[in-house]
Protein backbone atom coordinates (compact mmCIF):
# COMPACT_ATOMS: atom_id res chain seq x y z
CA GLU A 1 64.97 48.86 31.01
CA LYS A 2 65.15 45.56 32.86
CA LYS A 3 66.18 45.58 36.36
CA LYS A 4 69.16 43.71 37.32
CA PRO A 5 68.39 41.19 40.02
CA ALA A 6 69.88 42.38 43.44
CA MET A 7 73.05 40.63 44.41
CA LYS A 8 72.44 38.22 47.04
CA VAL A 9 74.77 38.60 50.01
CA LYS A 10 75.47 35.38 51.74
CA GLU A 11 74.83 35.90 55.30
CA GLU A 12 77.51 34.67 57.84
CA PRO A 13 76.49 31.60 59.65
CA LYS A 14 75.90 31.71 63.23
CA GLU A 15 78.26 30.39 65.72
CA GLU A 16 75.78 27.25 66.52
CA GLU A 17 75.29 26.58 62.90
CA ILE A 18 79.26 26.36 62.65
CA GLU A 19 79.64 24.24 65.62
CA LYS A 20 77.02 21.80 64.06
CA LYS A 21 78.82 21.57 60.88
CA LYS A 22 82.28 20.72 62.04
CA PRO A 23 83.27 17.54 60.99
CA GLU A 24 83.82 15.27 64.00
CA MET A 25 87.65 14.41 64.02
CA PRO A 26 88.69 10.94 65.26
CA PRO A 27 90.57 11.03 68.23
CA LEU A 28 94.35 10.89 67.48
CA GLY A 29 94.92 7.89 69.98
CA ASP A 30 97.87 7.15 71.94
CA THR A 31 101.09 6.67 69.82
CA ARG A 32 102.98 5.29 72.46
CA GLY A 33 102.27 1.63 71.59
CA ARG A 34 103.68 2.02 68.17
CA ARG A 35 106.70 4.06 69.46
CA CYS A 36 107.60 1.59 71.78
CA LYS A 37 107.31 -1.21 68.95
CA ALA A 38 109.35 0.96 66.53
CA HIS A 39 112.19 1.20 69.12
CA GLY A 40 111.98 -2.25 69.85
CA ASN A 41 112.40 -2.90 66.01
CA VAL A 42 115.29 -0.42 65.77
CA PHE A 43 116.90 -2.28 68.66
CA MET A 44 116.73 -5.56 66.80
CA ALA A 45 118.07 -3.99 63.63
CA HIS A 46 121.19 -2.49 65.62
CA LEU A 47 121.78 -5.62 67.42
CA LEU A 48 121.82 -7.55 64.00
CA MET A 49 123.99 -4.92 62.42
CA GLY A 50 126.36 -5.55 65.42
CA THR A 51 126.07 -2.02 66.69
CA ARG A 52 125.19 -2.81 70.29
CA PRO A 53 125.58 0.54 71.79
CA ALA A 54 123.11 1.98 69.50
CA ALA A 55 120.91 -0.88 70.12
CA GLU A 56 120.98 -0.49 73.76
CA VAL A 57 119.76 3.21 73.51
CA HIS A 58 116.53 1.98 71.57
CA LEU A 59 116.09 -0.66 74.03
CA GLN A 60 116.06 1.86 76.91
CA HIS A 61 113.71 3.99 74.99
CA ALA A 62 111.32 1.10 74.35
CA LEU A 63 111.15 -0.05 78.06
CA SER A 64 110.77 3.55 79.43
CA ILE A 65 107.60 3.87 76.97
CA ALA A 66 106.61 0.27 77.91
CA LYS A 67 106.69 0.99 81.55
CA GLU A 68 104.19 3.76 81.25
CA LEU A 69 101.95 1.49 79.26
CA GLY A 70 102.02 -1.43 81.70
CA LYS A 71 103.57 -4.68 82.56
CA GLU A 72 102.19 -6.47 79.72
CA GLU A 73 103.91 -4.05 77.13
CA GLU A 74 106.95 -4.39 79.12
CA ALA A 75 107.03 -8.17 79.00
CA ARG A 76 106.55 -7.84 75.10
CA VAL A 77 109.52 -5.44 74.87
CA TRP A 78 111.64 -8.09 77.00
CA LEU A 79 110.28 -10.86 74.65
CA GLN A 80 111.47 -8.98 71.54
CA CYS A 81 114.99 -8.34 73.50
CA GLY A 82 115.21 -12.11 73.85
CA ASN A 83 114.22 -12.92 70.33
CA SER A 84 116.63 -10.25 69.07
CA HIS A 85 119.54 -11.65 71.16
CA THR A 86 118.85 -15.07 69.71
CA LEU A 87 118.67 -14.00 66.30
CA ALA A 88 121.86 -11.81 66.75
CA SER A 89 123.78 -14.79 68.06
CA VAL A 90 123.70 -17.83 65.93
CA ASP A 91 126.94 -18.94 67.38
CA GLY A 92 125.44 -18.79 71.17
CA SER A 93 127.52 -15.58 72.16
CA ASN A 94 124.40 -13.67 73.35
CA ASP A 95 122.62 -16.72 74.99
CA GLY A 96 123.21 -15.02 78.49
CA ASP A 97 121.46 -11.89 77.37
CA ALA A 98 118.70 -13.66 75.59
CA THR A 99 118.07 -15.77 78.68
CA GLU A 100 117.95 -12.91 81.02
CA ALA A 101 115.47 -11.11 78.74
CA TYR A 102 113.18 -14.22 78.52
CA LYS A 103 113.21 -14.45 82.32
CA LYS A 104 112.21 -10.81 82.77
CA CYS A 105 109.40 -11.41 80.30
CA LEU A 106 108.24 -14.63 81.99
CA ASP A 107 108.06 -12.87 85.26
CA LEU A 108 106.10 -9.93 83.96
CA ALA A 109 103.65 -12.23 81.95
CA LYS A 110 103.15 -14.21 85.00
CA GLU A 111 102.16 -11.03 87.19
CA VAL A 112 99.85 -9.95 84.25
CA LYS A 113 98.41 -13.76 83.57
CA SER A 114 99.23 -13.51 79.97
CA LEU A 115 99.27 -17.03 78.72
CA GLU A 116 100.64 -15.86 75.10
CA LEU A 117 103.64 -14.11 76.55
CA ILE A 118 104.07 -17.13 79.17
CA ALA A 119 104.26 -19.62 76.41
CA ALA A 120 106.63 -17.47 74.03
CA ALA A 121 109.08 -16.69 77.05
CA GLU A 122 109.09 -20.57 78.13
CA LYS A 123 109.93 -21.47 74.44
CA GLY A 124 112.65 -18.73 74.26
CA LEU A 125 114.04 -20.22 77.32
CA LYS A 126 113.98 -23.74 75.90
CA LYS A 127 115.38 -22.57 72.56
CA ASP A 128 112.42 -23.96 70.95
CA LEU A 129 112.04 -20.95 68.60
CA ASP A 130 110.60 -20.43 65.03
CA VAL A 131 112.63 -17.52 63.42
CA ALA A 132 109.63 -16.63 61.03
CA SER A 133 107.31 -15.98 64.14
CA MET A 134 110.16 -14.17 66.11
CA LEU A 135 110.50 -11.67 63.03
CA ARG A 136 106.55 -11.25 63.06
CA GLY A 137 107.02 -10.37 66.63
CA GLN A 138 105.00 -13.45 68.00
């Protein structure tokens, strides 16, 4: 009779080997920047729809996250706020709100020496705006 080959029992890997074989996961990263931008976008959407109370809630969320991230991000939120008020008021009814937001952006941008944000805020204050770039967040 032929002998059946003995069953091979797979040995359990040692812990060191397990550690070596684990694929390295990329760091998840900080999602606050994306959340901040998302709240800013929802703020703009509500403002354009005319639901200002809901818009203000999202602006406050965006600002609270931006303050954690730094003055440059806070300036970006104020720029988006100014752009949103400008877009929402083709009749000029929100000009005061837009101007206030652009001034806050300009002050913060000067503190962090961001030439891009300074230029954007100054354009907003002059009402020299390109709607397409506003919608792109530039």
